[in-house]
Amino acid sequence: MADDLCYLAALRILKYRFNSEAELRRKLRGKKFEKETIDETIVRLHKEKWLDDERFAGAFVRTKANRRHGSRRILNELQAAGVDREAAAQAVVENIDPEREAEALRTLCARRAGVLIRRHGADFLSSGEGRNKLAGYLLKQGYDAALVYEAVKEISVVHHQSDS
């Protein structure tokens, strides 16, 4: 009986979105199910293909990449969701196109530069503080430092030329 209740609770959780096994375990523990019951439910969900960390990781990566999150941030969030490091890294490699990621970074950089210019004035990106603020934001979004450096340098040159 408790097994069925746990199973139904798990299906209700999975109905809204994929979860990693670790997330689902945590949520079921929060509903006060016994460890053995949760273990049996997890095994059943794996057998029935309702629960699959690789599939979850792939969907997670694609969703986050479409929201212009960088691969480093996505990797950290996957690991925080309980996906092991190797599976998370594999999902990132398989689901993120480096060219699309670089394009997303340039778009995000330009958008954020516009916000900073409206807030602080046209010459803000010419200052070290402005470039650091822009770079810090992009790094927090999970983009590689070398890519961020290039994007910030590019945007600074563009804004500097348009000021002249």
Protein backbone atom coordinates (compact mmCIF):
# COMPACT_ATOMS: atom_id res chain seq x y z
CA MET A 1 0.00 0.00 0.00
CA ALA A 2 2.75 2.47 0.96
CA ASP A 3 4.61 1.34 -2.18
CA ASP A 4 1.65 2.34 -4.35
CA LEU A 5 1.28 5.69 -2.61
CA CYS A 6 4.99 6.41 -3.05
CA TYR A 7 4.83 5.35 -6.71
CA LEU A 8 1.82 7.60 -7.36
CA ALA A 9 3.49 10.51 -5.58
CA ALA A 10 6.60 9.98 -7.73
CA LEU A 11 4.53 9.95 -10.92
CA ARG A 12 2.79 13.18 -9.87
CA ILE A 13 6.21 14.79 -9.36
CA LEU A 14 7.50 13.51 -12.71
CA LYS A 15 4.35 14.69 -14.48
CA TYR A 16 5.48 18.31 -14.11
CA ARG A 17 9.07 17.86 -15.28
CA PHE A 18 11.91 15.37 -15.47
CA ASN A 19 13.79 14.97 -12.20
CA SER A 20 17.11 13.37 -11.49
CA GLU A 21 17.03 10.32 -9.27
CA ALA A 22 18.58 12.35 -6.43
CA GLU A 23 15.95 15.11 -6.74
CA LEU A 24 13.13 12.58 -6.76
CA ARG A 25 14.54 10.77 -3.71
CA ARG A 26 14.78 14.08 -1.84
CA LYS A 27 11.19 15.01 -2.73
CA LEU A 28 9.84 11.61 -1.70
CA ARG A 29 11.78 11.77 1.59
CA GLY A 30 10.14 15.16 2.13
CA LYS A 31 6.78 13.40 1.84
CA LYS A 32 7.87 11.11 4.70
CA PHE A 33 8.13 7.85 2.76
CA GLU A 34 10.42 5.16 4.19
CA LYS A 35 13.82 4.63 2.54
CA GLU A 36 12.98 1.05 1.51
CA THR A 37 9.73 2.18 -0.10
CA ILE A 38 11.54 4.94 -1.98
CA ASP A 39 14.22 2.47 -3.14
CA GLU A 40 11.58 0.06 -4.49
CA THR A 41 9.75 2.92 -6.23
CA ILE A 42 12.97 4.18 -7.83
CA VAL A 43 13.79 0.68 -9.15
CA ARG A 44 10.27 0.39 -10.60
CA LEU A 45 10.47 3.84 -12.23
CA HIS A 46 13.82 2.95 -13.82
CA LYS A 47 12.40 -0.31 -15.18
CA GLU A 48 9.38 1.48 -16.61
CA LYS A 49 11.63 4.20 -18.09
CA TRP A 50 10.00 7.01 -16.10
CA LEU A 51 13.32 7.86 -14.50
CA ASP A 52 16.54 8.22 -16.47
CA ASP A 53 19.34 10.57 -15.35
CA GLU A 54 20.93 10.67 -18.82
CA ARG A 55 17.67 11.69 -20.47
CA PHE A 56 17.03 14.19 -17.67
CA ALA A 57 20.53 15.65 -18.10
CA GLY A 58 20.13 16.04 -21.86
CA ALA A 59 16.78 17.83 -21.54
CA PHE A 60 18.13 19.99 -18.72
CA VAL A 61 21.18 21.05 -20.78
CA ARG A 62 19.10 21.95 -23.82
CA THR A 63 16.62 23.97 -21.76
CA LYS A 64 19.32 25.92 -19.92
CA ALA A 65 21.37 26.53 -23.09
CA ASN A 66 18.26 27.99 -24.74
CA ARG A 67 18.01 30.38 -21.79
CA ARG A 68 21.57 31.55 -22.53
CA HIS A 69 23.25 29.85 -19.61
CA GLY A 70 26.87 28.89 -20.16
CA SER A 71 28.11 25.31 -20.07
CA ARG A 72 29.96 25.75 -16.76
CA ARG A 73 26.84 26.96 -14.97
CA ILE A 74 24.77 24.17 -16.52
CA LEU A 75 27.35 21.59 -15.42
CA ASN A 76 27.26 22.91 -11.83
CA GLU A 77 23.45 22.96 -11.77
CA LEU A 78 23.29 19.38 -13.07
CA GLN A 79 25.64 18.23 -10.34
CA ALA A 80 23.58 20.14 -7.76
CA ALA A 81 20.54 18.24 -9.06
CA GLY A 82 22.32 15.00 -8.23
CA VAL A 83 23.60 13.94 -11.65
CA ASP A 84 27.08 12.47 -11.33
CA ARG A 85 29.96 14.53 -12.76
CA GLU A 86 30.71 12.19 -15.66
CA ALA A 87 27.10 11.97 -16.86
CA ALA A 88 26.69 15.73 -16.48
CA ALA A 89 29.84 16.44 -18.49
CA GLN A 90 28.73 13.99 -21.18
CA ALA A 91 25.31 15.68 -21.43
CA VAL A 92 26.94 19.08 -21.82
CA VAL A 93 29.29 17.83 -24.56
CA GLU A 94 26.45 16.10 -26.45
CA ASN A 95 23.89 18.90 -26.18
CA ILE A 96 25.79 22.18 -26.46
CA ASP A 97 27.10 23.38 -29.79
CA PRO A 98 30.15 25.59 -29.13
CA GLU A 99 29.22 27.94 -31.96
CA ARG A 100 25.69 28.40 -30.63
CA GLU A 101 27.08 28.95 -27.14
CA ALA A 102 29.48 31.63 -28.45
CA GLU A 103 26.62 33.30 -30.32
CA ALA A 104 24.42 33.21 -27.20
CA LEU A 105 27.28 34.79 -25.24
CA ARG A 106 27.65 37.62 -27.79
CA THR A 107 23.89 38.26 -27.70
CA LEU A 108 23.82 38.26 -23.90
CA CYS A 109 26.91 40.48 -23.79
CA ALA A 110 25.33 43.05 -26.11
CA ARG A 111 22.08 43.00 -24.15
CA ARG A 112 23.84 43.44 -20.80
CA ALA A 113 26.10 46.15 -22.24
CA GLY A 114 22.97 48.08 -23.24
CA VAL A 115 21.62 47.81 -19.70
CA LEU A 116 24.91 49.03 -18.22
CA ILE A 117 25.09 51.95 -20.66
CA ARG A 118 21.52 53.03 -19.84
CA ARG A 119 22.32 52.80 -16.13
CA HIS A 120 25.78 54.37 -16.04
CA GLY A 121 26.23 56.39 -19.25
CA ALA A 122 27.68 55.89 -22.71
CA ASP A 123 31.35 55.75 -21.69
CA PHE A 124 30.90 53.22 -18.86
CA LEU A 125 32.14 50.28 -20.94
CA SER A 126 35.35 52.19 -21.69
CA SER A 127 36.21 52.07 -18.00
CA GLY A 128 37.81 49.12 -16.23
CA GLU A 129 34.90 49.06 -13.79
CA GLY A 130 32.38 48.80 -16.64
CA ARG A 131 34.24 45.99 -18.39
CA ASN A 132 34.68 44.15 -15.06
CA LYS A 133 31.00 44.49 -14.25
CA LEU A 134 30.05 43.12 -17.67
CA ALA A 135 32.59 40.28 -17.47
CA GLY A 136 31.47 39.37 -13.93
CA TYR A 137 27.87 39.08 -15.06
CA LEU A 138 28.79 36.85 -18.00
CA LEU A 139 31.02 34.65 -15.85
CA LYS A 140 28.14 34.19 -13.39
CA GLN A 141 26.03 32.98 -16.30
CA GLY A 142 28.54 30.15 -16.67
CA TYR A 143 30.50 31.12 -19.75
CA ASP A 144 34.16 30.26 -20.19
CA ALA A 145 36.54 33.03 -19.06
CA ALA A 146 38.43 33.15 -22.38
CA LEU A 147 35.17 33.52 -24.34
CA VAL A 148 33.96 36.21 -21.93
CA TYR A 149 37.24 38.12 -22.29
CA GLU A 150 36.91 38.10 -26.09
CA ALA A 151 33.23 39.12 -26.03
CA VAL A 152 33.87 41.99 -23.59
CA LYS A 153 36.87 43.16 -25.63
CA GLU A 154 34.75 43.03 -28.80
CA ILE A 155 31.85 44.98 -27.27
CA SER A 156 34.20 47.57 -25.73
CA VAL A 157 35.79 48.20 -29.13
CA VAL A 158 32.40 48.52 -30.82
CA HIS A 159 31.13 50.99 -28.19
CA HIS A 160 34.42 52.89 -28.18
CA GLN A 161 34.28 53.28 -31.99
CA SER A 162 30.66 54.43 -31.90
CA ASP A 163 31.61 57.11 -29.32
CA SER A 164 34.28 58.55 -31.66
